[in-house]
Amino acid sequence: MVDRLDIDEATEVVLAAAKFTGAATTYTGKVSDTVDGLTVPARADSPLDRDLVGKLDWIVSSFGGSVTTDDGRSDTILLDAVKAVDALAGTDILGGLVVTDTEPV
């Protein structure tokens, strides 16, 4: 079943950001586990083996660096979403106090 994105209300925006954070954290963990499992089963004796080990080192470095770079960014996105929703809700409340003589919609 498809999980539809519904962000009509402020709380739904925060919930969507929390889902994103959870998914990103899970993905980052899986990449870390995969990178940690990339090893050479035997000593690299031949030039071809040494070249392949060099490629493996590059792969581990690239993916590991990506995980390190992305680590914590999803938490920042969630915090930013909460701050934005709080600011919007506060502005809405203050704006409602200023508006007078209006009819309910």
PDB file of N, CA and C in Angstrom:
ATOM      1  N   MET A   1       0.836  -1.175   0.000  1.00  0.00           N
ATOM      2  CA  MET A   1       0.000   0.000   0.000  1.00  0.00           C
ATOM      3  C   MET A   1       0.886   1.246   0.000  1.00  0.00           C
ATOM      4  N   VAL A   2       0.523   2.215  -0.787  1.00  0.00           N
ATOM      5  CA  VAL A   2       1.284   3.448  -0.898  1.00  0.00           C
ATOM      6  C   VAL A   2       0.959   4.349   0.283  1.00  0.00           C
ATOM      7  N   ASP A   3       2.002   4.892   0.898  1.00  0.00           N
ATOM      8  CA  ASP A   3       1.830   5.825   2.006  1.00  0.00           C
ATOM      9  C   ASP A   3       1.788   7.227   1.408  1.00  0.00           C
ATOM     10  N   ARG A   4       0.599   7.811   1.372  1.00  0.00           N
ATOM     11  CA  ARG A   4       0.435   9.118   0.742  1.00  0.00           C
ATOM     12  C   ARG A   4       0.999  10.223   1.622  1.00  0.00           C
ATOM     13  N   LEU A   5       1.567  11.205   0.997  1.00  0.00           N
ATOM     14  CA  LEU A   5       2.106  12.359   1.701  1.00  0.00           C
ATOM     15  C   LEU A   5       0.994  13.376   1.863  1.00  0.00           C
ATOM     16  N   ASP A   6       0.668  13.692   3.106  1.00  0.00           N
ATOM     17  CA  ASP A   6      -0.396  14.641   3.404  1.00  0.00           C
ATOM     18  C   ASP A   6       0.181  15.699   4.332  1.00  0.00           C
ATOM     19  N   ILE A   7       0.286  16.929   3.837  1.00  0.00           N
ATOM     20  CA  ILE A   7       0.884  17.992   4.648  1.00  0.00           C
ATOM     21  C   ILE A   7      -0.005  19.231   4.685  1.00  0.00           C
ATOM     22  N   ASP A   8      -1.302  19.000   4.883  1.00  0.00           N
ATOM     23  CA  ASP A   8      -2.228  20.129   4.969  1.00  0.00           C
ATOM     24  C   ASP A   8      -2.121  20.865   6.302  1.00  0.00           C
ATOM     25  N   GLU A   9      -1.813  20.160   7.346  1.00  0.00           N
ATOM     26  CA  GLU A   9      -1.729  20.737   8.685  1.00  0.00           C
ATOM     27  C   GLU A   9      -0.272  20.812   9.128  1.00  0.00           C
ATOM     28  N   ALA A  10      -0.023  21.722  10.063  1.00  0.00           N
ATOM     29  CA  ALA A  10       1.347  21.912  10.553  1.00  0.00           C
ATOM     30  C   ALA A  10       1.911  20.620  11.147  1.00  0.00           C
ATOM     31  N   THR A  11       1.102  19.899  11.893  1.00  0.00           N
ATOM     32  CA  THR A  11       1.592  18.655  12.495  1.00  0.00           C
ATOM     33  C   THR A  11       1.933  17.619  11.433  1.00  0.00           C
ATOM     34  N   GLU A  12       1.220  17.643  10.307  1.00  0.00           N
ATOM     35  CA  GLU A  12       1.498  16.704   9.221  1.00  0.00           C
ATOM     36  C   GLU A  12       2.832  17.015   8.555  1.00  0.00           C
ATOM     37  N   VAL A  13       3.194  18.301   8.515  1.00  0.00           N
ATOM     38  CA  VAL A  13       4.499  18.676   7.963  1.00  0.00           C
ATOM     39  C   VAL A  13       5.608  18.106   8.841  1.00  0.00           C
ATOM     40  N   VAL A  14       5.446  18.243  10.145  1.00  0.00           N
ATOM     41  CA  VAL A  14       6.450  17.710  11.073  1.00  0.00           C
ATOM     42  C   VAL A  14       6.519  16.184  10.979  1.00  0.00           C
ATOM     43  N   LEU A  15       5.362  15.532  10.881  1.00  0.00           N
ATOM     44  CA  LEU A  15       5.354  14.079  10.754  1.00  0.00           C
ATOM     45  C   LEU A  15       6.037  13.624   9.464  1.00  0.00           C
ATOM     46  N   ALA A  16       5.813  14.356   8.369  1.00  0.00           N
ATOM     47  CA  ALA A  16       6.466  14.016   7.099  1.00  0.00           C
ATOM     48  C   ALA A  16       7.983  14.185   7.216  1.00  0.00           C
ATOM     49  N   ALA A  17       8.411  15.254   7.874  1.00  0.00           N
ATOM     50  CA  ALA A  17       9.848  15.471   8.068  1.00  0.00           C
ATOM     51  C   ALA A  17      10.435  14.371   8.952  1.00  0.00           C
ATOM     52  N   ALA A  18       9.675  13.932   9.947  1.00  0.00           N
ATOM     53  CA  ALA A  18      10.149  12.855  10.820  1.00  0.00           C
ATOM     54  C   ALA A  18      10.268  11.542  10.044  1.00  0.00           C
ATOM     55  N   LYS A  19       9.318  11.281   9.145  1.00  0.00           N
ATOM     56  CA  LYS A  19       9.407  10.069   8.314  1.00  0.00           C
ATOM     57  C   LYS A  19      10.651  10.119   7.436  1.00  0.00           C
ATOM     58  N   PHE A  20      10.913  11.286   6.863  1.00  0.00           N
ATOM     59  CA  PHE A  20      12.105  11.454   6.033  1.00  0.00           C
ATOM     60  C   PHE A  20      13.364  11.191   6.856  1.00  0.00           C
ATOM     61  N   THR A  21      13.413  11.768   8.056  1.00  0.00           N
ATOM     62  CA  THR A  21      14.573  11.594   8.925  1.00  0.00           C
ATOM     63  C   THR A  21      14.791  10.121   9.246  1.00  0.00           C
ATOM     64  N   GLY A  22      13.715   9.420   9.574  1.00  0.00           N
ATOM     65  CA  GLY A  22      13.819   7.988   9.871  1.00  0.00           C
ATOM     66  C   GLY A  22      14.312   7.193   8.683  1.00  0.00           C
ATOM     67  N   ALA A  23      13.785   7.506   7.506  1.00  0.00           N
ATOM     68  CA  ALA A  23      14.199   6.788   6.294  1.00  0.00           C
ATOM     69  C   ALA A  23      15.662   7.074   5.967  1.00  0.00           C
ATOM     70  N   ALA A  24      16.067   8.320   6.081  1.00  0.00           N
ATOM     71  CA  ALA A  24      17.449   8.686   5.775  1.00  0.00           C
ATOM     72  C   ALA A  24      18.421   8.036   6.757  1.00  0.00           C
ATOM     73  N   THR A  25      18.044   8.001   8.026  1.00  0.00           N
ATOM     74  CA  THR A  25      18.896   7.372   9.033  1.00  0.00           C
ATOM     75  C   THR A  25      19.034   5.876   8.769  1.00  0.00           C
ATOM     76  N   THR A  26      17.931   5.238   8.410  1.00  0.00           N
ATOM     77  CA  THR A  26      17.961   3.809   8.091  1.00  0.00           C
ATOM     78  C   THR A  26      18.854   3.563   6.883  1.00  0.00           C
ATOM     79  N   TYR A  27      18.700   4.366   5.848  1.00  0.00           N
ATOM     80  CA  TYR A  27      19.512   4.233   4.636  1.00  0.00           C
ATOM     81  C   TYR A  27      20.998   4.406   4.964  1.00  0.00           C
ATOM     82  N   THR A  28      21.313   5.427   5.740  1.00  0.00           N
ATOM     83  CA  THR A  28      22.707   5.690   6.103  1.00  0.00           C
ATOM     84  C   THR A  28      23.291   4.504   6.860  1.00  0.00           C
ATOM     85  N   GLY A  29      22.505   3.925   7.761  1.00  0.00           N
ATOM     86  CA  GLY A  29      22.970   2.757   8.506  1.00  0.00           C
ATOM     87  C   GLY A  29      23.225   1.567   7.609  1.00  0.00           C
ATOM     88  N   LYS A  30      22.346   1.354   6.642  1.00  0.00           N
ATOM     89  CA  LYS A  30      22.515   0.230   5.715  1.00  0.00           C
ATOM     90  C   LYS A  30      23.761   0.420   4.842  1.00  0.00           C
ATOM     91  N   VAL A  31      23.995   1.637   4.389  1.00  0.00           N
ATOM     92  CA  VAL A  31      25.200   1.907   3.586  1.00  0.00           C
ATOM     93  C   VAL A  31      26.442   1.666   4.431  1.00  0.00           C
ATOM     94  N   SER A  32      26.421   2.121   5.672  1.00  0.00           N
ATOM     95  CA  SER A  32      27.565   1.904   6.560  1.00  0.00           C
ATOM     96  C   SER A  32      27.835   0.424   6.742  1.00  0.00           C
ATOM     97  N   ASP A  33      26.782  -0.360   6.973  1.00  0.00           N
ATOM     98  CA  ASP A  33      26.943  -1.810   7.137  1.00  0.00           C
ATOM     99  C   ASP A  33      27.525  -2.449   5.884  1.00  0.00           C
ATOM    100  N   THR A  34      27.040  -2.007   4.723  1.00  0.00           N
ATOM    101  CA  THR A  34      27.529  -2.556   3.455  1.00  0.00           C
ATOM    102  C   THR A  34      29.002  -2.217   3.252  1.00  0.00           C
ATOM    103  N   VAL A  35      29.356  -0.960   3.498  1.00  0.00           N
ATOM    104  CA  VAL A  35      30.750  -0.526   3.322  1.00  0.00           C
ATOM    105  C   VAL A  35      31.663  -1.288   4.271  1.00  0.00           C
ATOM    106  N   ASP A  36      31.216  -1.483   5.503  1.00  0.00           N
ATOM    107  CA  ASP A  36      32.035  -2.222   6.469  1.00  0.00           C
ATOM    108  C   ASP A  36      32.270  -3.665   6.026  1.00  0.00           C
ATOM    109  N   GLY A  37      31.342  -4.211   5.238  1.00  0.00           N
ATOM    110  CA  GLY A  37      31.471  -5.590   4.775  1.00  0.00           C
ATOM    111  C   GLY A  37      32.321  -5.762   3.524  1.00  0.00           C
ATOM    112  N   LEU A  38      32.731  -4.677   2.920  1.00  0.00           N
ATOM    113  CA  LEU A  38      33.543  -4.762   1.704  1.00  0.00           C
ATOM    114  C   LEU A  38      35.007  -4.993   2.075  1.00  0.00           C
ATOM    115  N   THR A  39      35.433  -6.226   1.938  1.00  0.00           N
ATOM    116  CA  THR A  39      36.819  -6.574   2.260  1.00  0.00           C
ATOM    117  C   THR A  39      37.378  -7.499   1.186  1.00  0.00           C
ATOM    118  N   VAL A  40      38.660  -7.583   1.151  1.00  0.00           N
ATOM    119  CA  VAL A  40      39.334  -8.489   0.222  1.00  0.00           C
ATOM    120  C   VAL A  40      39.581  -9.802   0.966  1.00  0.00           C
ATOM    121  N   PRO A  41      39.129 -10.929   0.398  1.00  0.00           N
ATOM    122  CA  PRO A  41      39.241 -12.199   1.115  1.00  0.00           C
ATOM    123  C   PRO A  41      40.660 -12.768   1.175  1.00  0.00           C
ATOM    124  N   ALA A  42      41.544 -12.284   0.337  1.00  0.00           N
ATOM    125  CA  ALA A  42      42.909 -12.822   0.318  1.00  0.00           C
ATOM    126  C   ALA A  42      43.896 -11.685   0.097  1.00  0.00           C
ATOM    127  N   ARG A  43      45.162 -11.978   0.347  1.00  0.00           N
ATOM    128  CA  ARG A  43      46.198 -10.976   0.148  1.00  0.00           C
ATOM    129  C   ARG A  43      46.345 -10.659  -1.340  1.00  0.00           C
ATOM    130  N   ALA A  44      46.529  -9.394  -1.645  1.00  0.00           N
ATOM    131  CA  ALA A  44      46.670  -8.968  -3.041  1.00  0.00           C
ATOM    132  C   ALA A  44      48.117  -9.112  -3.469  1.00  0.00           C
ATOM    133  N   ASP A  45      48.410 -10.210  -4.163  1.00  0.00           N
ATOM    134  CA  ASP A  45      49.786 -10.481  -4.574  1.00  0.00           C
ATOM    135  C   ASP A  45      50.097  -9.996  -5.991  1.00  0.00           C
ATOM    136  N   SER A  46      49.153 -10.102  -6.880  1.00  0.00           N
ATOM    137  CA  SER A  46      49.423  -9.746  -8.279  1.00  0.00           C
ATOM    138  C   SER A  46      49.103  -8.269  -8.522  1.00  0.00           C
ATOM    139  N   PRO A  47      49.644  -7.718  -9.605  1.00  0.00           N
ATOM    140  CA  PRO A  47      49.325  -6.323  -9.949  1.00  0.00           C
ATOM    141  C   PRO A  47      47.812  -6.112 -10.153  1.00  0.00           C
ATOM    142  N   LEU A  48      47.147  -7.103 -10.754  1.00  0.00           N
ATOM    143  CA  LEU A  48      45.702  -6.993 -10.956  1.00  0.00           C
ATOM    144  C   LEU A  48      44.980  -6.954  -9.606  1.00  0.00           C
ATOM    145  N   ASP A  49      45.395  -7.831  -8.689  1.00  0.00           N
ATOM    146  CA  ASP A  49      44.795  -7.842  -7.353  1.00  0.00           C
ATOM    147  C   ASP A  49      45.012  -6.507  -6.644  1.00  0.00           C
ATOM    148  N   ARG A  50      46.219  -5.981  -6.736  1.00  0.00           N
ATOM    149  CA  ARG A  50      46.521  -4.709  -6.071  1.00  0.00           C
ATOM    150  C   ARG A  50      45.692  -3.577  -6.675  1.00  0.00           C
ATOM    151  N   ASP A  51      45.513  -3.625  -8.000  1.00  0.00           N
ATOM    152  CA  ASP A  51      44.685  -2.609  -8.656  1.00  0.00           C
ATOM    153  C   ASP A  51      43.235  -2.716  -8.183  1.00  0.00           C
ATOM    154  N   LEU A  52      42.738  -3.934  -8.070  1.00  0.00           N
ATOM    155  CA  LEU A  52      41.361  -4.129  -7.606  1.00  0.00           C
ATOM    156  C   LEU A  52      41.199  -3.696  -6.157  1.00  0.00           C
ATOM    157  N   VAL A  53      42.231  -3.925  -5.338  1.00  0.00           N
ATOM    158  CA  VAL A  53      42.183  -3.458  -3.954  1.00  0.00           C
ATOM    159  C   VAL A  53      42.136  -1.932  -3.928  1.00  0.00           C
ATOM    160  N   GLY A  54      42.872  -1.315  -4.823  1.00  0.00           N
ATOM    161  CA  GLY A  54      42.836   0.149  -4.921  1.00  0.00           C
ATOM    162  C   GLY A  54      41.439   0.651  -5.274  1.00  0.00           C
ATOM    163  N   LYS A  55      40.772  -0.052  -6.188  1.00  0.00           N
ATOM    164  CA  LYS A  55      39.393   0.315  -6.560  1.00  0.00           C
ATOM    165  C   LYS A  55      38.456   0.128  -5.369  1.00  0.00           C
ATOM    166  N   LEU A  56      38.643  -0.978  -4.647  1.00  0.00           N
ATOM    167  CA  LEU A  56      37.820  -1.237  -3.468  1.00  0.00           C
ATOM    168  C   LEU A  56      38.038  -0.148  -2.416  1.00  0.00           C
ATOM    169  N   ASP A  57      39.284   0.231  -2.218  1.00  0.00           N
ATOM    170  CA  ASP A  57      39.583   1.311  -1.264  1.00  0.00           C
ATOM    171  C   ASP A  57      38.880   2.601  -1.670  1.00  0.00           C
ATOM    172  N   TRP A  58      38.871   2.891  -2.967  1.00  0.00           N
ATOM    173  CA  TRP A  58      38.181   4.086  -3.461  1.00  0.00           C
ATOM    174  C   TRP A  58      36.679   4.002  -3.188  1.00  0.00           C
ATOM    175  N   ILE A  59      36.094   2.827  -3.450  1.00  0.00           N
ATOM    176  CA  ILE A  59      34.659   2.634  -3.218  1.00  0.00           C
ATOM    177  C   ILE A  59      34.334   2.840  -1.732  1.00  0.00           C
ATOM    178  N   VAL A  60      35.107   2.200  -0.874  1.00  0.00           N
ATOM    179  CA  VAL A  60      34.886   2.320   0.578  1.00  0.00           C
ATOM    180  C   VAL A  60      35.033   3.771   1.012  1.00  0.00           C
ATOM    181  N   SER A  61      36.053   4.438   0.505  1.00  0.00           N
ATOM    182  CA  SER A  61      36.284   5.842   0.854  1.00  0.00           C
ATOM    183  C   SER A  61      35.146   6.734   0.366  1.00  0.00           C
ATOM    184  N   SER A  62      34.693   6.505  -0.860  1.00  0.00           N
ATOM    185  CA  SER A  62      33.622   7.336  -1.432  1.00  0.00           C
ATOM    186  C   SER A  62      32.310   7.164  -0.684  1.00  0.00           C
ATOM    187  N   PHE A  63      31.907   5.921  -0.502  1.00  0.00           N
ATOM    188  CA  PHE A  63      30.641   5.672   0.188  1.00  0.00           C
ATOM    189  C   PHE A  63      30.740   6.044   1.668  1.00  0.00           C
ATOM    190  N   GLY A  64      31.872   5.727   2.278  1.00  0.00           N
ATOM    191  CA  GLY A  64      32.066   6.087   3.684  1.00  0.00           C
ATOM    192  C   GLY A  64      32.046   7.589   3.879  1.00  0.00           C
ATOM    193  N   GLY A  65      32.672   8.307   2.955  1.00  0.00           N
ATOM    194  CA  GLY A  65      32.664   9.773   3.019  1.00  0.00           C
ATOM    195  C   GLY A  65      31.266  10.334   2.840  1.00  0.00           C
ATOM    196  N   SER A  66      30.501   9.717   1.967  1.00  0.00           N
ATOM    197  CA  SER A  66      29.120  10.153   1.747  1.00  0.00           C
ATOM    198  C   SER A  66      28.288   9.969   3.006  1.00  0.00           C
ATOM    199  N   VAL A  67      28.459   8.835   3.660  1.00  0.00           N
ATOM    200  CA  VAL A  67      27.724   8.569   4.905  1.00  0.00           C
ATOM    201  C   VAL A  67      28.115   9.592   5.967  1.00  0.00           C
ATOM    202  N   THR A  68      29.410   9.865   6.080  1.00  0.00           N
ATOM    203  CA  THR A  68      29.875  10.839   7.062  1.00  0.00           C
ATOM    204  C   THR A  68      29.306  12.220   6.767  1.00  0.00           C
ATOM    205  N   THR A  69      29.273  12.599   5.498  1.00  0.00           N
ATOM    206  CA  THR A  69      28.745  13.902   5.101  1.00  0.00           C
ATOM    207  C   THR A  69      27.247  13.993   5.390  1.00  0.00           C
ATOM    208  N   ASP A  70      26.515  12.942   5.091  1.00  0.00           N
ATOM    209  CA  ASP A  70      25.070  12.965   5.266  1.00  0.00           C
ATOM    210  C   ASP A  70      24.631  12.745   6.703  1.00  0.00           C
ATOM    211  N   ASP A  71      25.506  12.180   7.519  1.00  0.00           N
ATOM    212  CA  ASP A  71      25.143  11.872   8.902  1.00  0.00           C
ATOM    213  C   ASP A  71      24.772  13.150   9.646  1.00  0.00           C
ATOM    214  N   GLY A  72      23.591  13.185  10.173  1.00  0.00           N
ATOM    215  CA  GLY A  72      23.133  14.349  10.930  1.00  0.00           C
ATOM    216  C   GLY A  72      22.354  15.364  10.115  1.00  0.00           C
ATOM    217  N   ARG A  73      22.484  15.328   8.806  1.00  0.00           N
ATOM    218  CA  ARG A  73      21.750  16.298   7.984  1.00  0.00           C
ATOM    219  C   ARG A  73      20.242  16.078   8.063  1.00  0.00           C
ATOM    220  N   SER A  74      19.832  14.830   8.125  1.00  0.00           N
ATOM    221  CA  SER A  74      18.391  14.573   8.194  1.00  0.00           C
ATOM    222  C   SER A  74      17.823  15.082   9.517  1.00  0.00           C
ATOM    223  N   ASP A  75      18.599  14.982  10.594  1.00  0.00           N
ATOM    224  CA  ASP A  75      18.150  15.537  11.873  1.00  0.00           C
ATOM    225  C   ASP A  75      18.002  17.051  11.773  1.00  0.00           C
ATOM    226  N   THR A  76      18.922  17.677  11.062  1.00  0.00           N
ATOM    227  CA  THR A  76      18.855  19.127  10.867  1.00  0.00           C
ATOM    228  C   THR A  76      17.601  19.510  10.086  1.00  0.00           C
ATOM    229  N   ILE A  77      17.267  18.714   9.084  1.00  0.00           N
ATOM    230  CA  ILE A  77      16.054  18.984   8.297  1.00  0.00           C
ATOM    231  C   ILE A  77      14.822  18.900   9.180  1.00  0.00           C
ATOM    232  N   LEU A  78      14.769  17.893  10.057  1.00  0.00           N
ATOM    233  CA  LEU A  78      13.633  17.770  10.970  1.00  0.00           C
ATOM    234  C   LEU A  78      13.564  18.977  11.903  1.00  0.00           C
ATOM    235  N   LEU A  79      14.689  19.361  12.475  1.00  0.00           N
ATOM    236  CA  LEU A  79      14.696  20.522  13.368  1.00  0.00           C
ATOM    237  C   LEU A  79      14.271  21.797  12.630  1.00  0.00           C
ATOM    238  N   ASP A  80      14.753  21.961  11.405  1.00  0.00           N
ATOM    239  CA  ASP A  80      14.362  23.129  10.607  1.00  0.00           C
ATOM    240  C   ASP A  80      12.865  23.120  10.309  1.00  0.00           C
ATOM    241  N   ALA A  81      12.311  21.944  10.016  1.00  0.00           N
ATOM    242  CA  ALA A  81      10.872  21.835   9.750  1.00  0.00           C
ATOM    243  C   ALA A  81      10.072  22.209  10.986  1.00  0.00           C
ATOM    244  N   VAL A  82      10.503  21.718  12.151  1.00  0.00           N
ATOM    245  CA  VAL A  82       9.800  22.045  13.400  1.00  0.00           C
ATOM    246  C   VAL A  82       9.873  23.545  13.670  1.00  0.00           C
ATOM    247  N   LYS A  83      11.038  24.143  13.488  1.00  0.00           N
ATOM    248  CA  LYS A  83      11.191  25.590  13.698  1.00  0.00           C
ATOM    249  C   LYS A  83      10.292  26.381  12.742  1.00  0.00           C
ATOM    250  N   ALA A  84      10.259  25.961  11.480  1.00  0.00           N
ATOM    251  CA  ALA A  84       9.429  26.664  10.492  1.00  0.00           C
ATOM    252  C   ALA A  84       7.949  26.539  10.826  1.00  0.00           C
ATOM    253  N   VAL A  85       7.525  25.346  11.225  1.00  0.00           N
ATOM    254  CA  VAL A  85       6.124  25.139  11.587  1.00  0.00           C
ATOM    255  C   VAL A  85       5.777  25.959  12.825  1.00  0.00           C
ATOM    256  N   ASP A  86       6.672  25.969  13.808  1.00  0.00           N
ATOM    257  CA  ASP A  86       6.431  26.778  15.009  1.00  0.00           C
ATOM    258  C   ASP A  86       6.329  28.260  14.673  1.00  0.00           C
ATOM    259  N   ALA A  87       7.218  28.724  13.805  1.00  0.00           N
ATOM    260  CA  ALA A  87       7.190  30.134  13.414  1.00  0.00           C
ATOM    261  C   ALA A  87       5.902  30.466  12.663  1.00  0.00           C
ATOM    262  N   LEU A  88       5.503  29.570  11.771  1.00  0.00           N
ATOM    263  CA  LEU A  88       4.271  29.792  11.009  1.00  0.00           C
ATOM    264  C   LEU A  88       3.055  29.791  11.926  1.00  0.00           C
ATOM    265  N   ALA A  89       3.016  28.837  12.856  1.00  0.00           N
ATOM    266  CA  ALA A  89       1.890  28.770  13.790  1.00  0.00           C
ATOM    267  C   ALA A  89       1.844  30.013  14.669  1.00  0.00           C
ATOM    268  N   GLY A  90       3.001  30.461  15.138  1.00  0.00           N
ATOM    269  CA  GLY A  90       3.054  31.675  15.955  1.00  0.00           C
ATOM    270  C   GLY A  90       2.606  32.898  15.188  1.00  0.00           C
ATOM    271  N   THR A  91       3.044  33.006  13.959  1.00  0.00           N
ATOM    272  CA  THR A  91       2.635  34.125  13.111  1.00  0.00           C
ATOM    273  C   THR A  91       1.139  34.085  12.849  1.00  0.00           C
ATOM    274  N   ASP A  92       0.614  32.894  12.638  1.00  0.00           N
ATOM    275  CA  ASP A  92      -0.819  32.734  12.402  1.00  0.00           C
ATOM    276  C   ASP A  92      -1.621  33.180  13.625  1.00  0.00           C
ATOM    277  N   ILE A  93      -1.165  32.796  14.803  1.00  0.00           N
ATOM    278  CA  ILE A  93      -1.854  33.184  16.037  1.00  0.00           C
ATOM    279  C   ILE A  93      -1.799  34.694  16.227  1.00  0.00           C
ATOM    280  N   LEU A  94      -0.614  35.271  16.049  1.00  0.00           N
ATOM    281  CA  LEU A  94      -0.474  36.723  16.195  1.00  0.00           C
ATOM    282  C   LEU A  94      -1.299  37.465  15.153  1.00  0.00           C
ATOM    283  N   GLY A  95      -1.314  36.955  13.945  1.00  0.00           N
ATOM    284  CA  GLY A  95      -2.119  37.581  12.894  1.00  0.00           C
ATOM    285  C   GLY A  95      -3.595  37.521  13.225  1.00  0.00           C
ATOM    286  N   GLY A  96      -4.015  36.419  13.813  1.00  0.00           N
ATOM    287  CA  GLY A  96      -5.412  36.277  14.208  1.00  0.00           C
ATOM    288  C   GLY A  96      -5.802  37.253  15.291  1.00  0.00           C
ATOM    289  N   LEU A  97      -4.871  37.618  16.154  1.00  0.00           N
ATOM    290  CA  LEU A  97      -5.148  38.593  17.200  1.00  0.00           C
ATOM    291  C   LEU A  97      -5.305  40.001  16.637  1.00  0.00           C
ATOM    292  N   VAL A  98      -4.625  40.262  15.539  1.00  0.00           N
ATOM    293  CA  VAL A  98      -4.667  41.596  14.937  1.00  0.00           C
ATOM    294  C   VAL A  98      -5.950  41.802  14.131  1.00  0.00           C
ATOM    295  N   VAL A  99      -6.402  40.776  13.461  1.00  0.00           N
ATOM    296  CA  VAL A  99      -7.582  40.878  12.619  1.00  0.00           C
ATOM    297  C   VAL A  99      -8.819  40.977  13.505  1.00  0.00           C
ATOM    298  N   THR A 100      -9.630  41.993  13.236  1.00  0.00           N
ATOM    299  CA  THR A 100     -10.855  42.173  14.010  1.00  0.00           C
ATOM    300  C   THR A 100     -12.043  42.300  13.050  1.00  0.00           C
ATOM    301  N   ASP A 101     -13.221  42.128  13.609  1.00  0.00           N
ATOM    302  CA  ASP A 101     -14.464  42.290  12.841  1.00  0.00           C
ATOM    303  C   ASP A 101     -14.494  41.443  11.585  1.00  0.00           C
ATOM    304  N   THR A 102     -14.143  40.203  11.714  1.00  0.00           N
ATOM    305  CA  THR A 102     -14.197  39.311  10.567  1.00  0.00           C
ATOM    306  C   THR A 102     -15.228  38.234  10.844  1.00  0.00           C
ATOM    307  N   GLU A 103     -15.739  37.681   9.769  1.00  0.00           N
ATOM    308  CA  GLU A 103     -16.694  36.583   9.896  1.00  0.00           C
ATOM    309  C   GLU A 103     -15.939  35.278   9.743  1.00  0.00           C
ATOM    310  N   PRO A 104     -16.401  34.248  10.454  1.00  0.00           N
ATOM    311  CA  PRO A 104     -15.756  32.938  10.306  1.00  0.00           C
ATOM    312  C   PRO A 104     -15.859  32.434   8.869  1.00  0.00           C
ATOM    313  N   VAL A 105     -14.863  31.733   8.463  1.00  0.00           N
ATOM    314  CA  VAL A 105     -14.870  31.178   7.098  1.00  0.00           C
ATOM    315  C   VAL A 105     -15.514  29.825   7.106  1.00  0.00           C
TER     316      VAL A 105
END
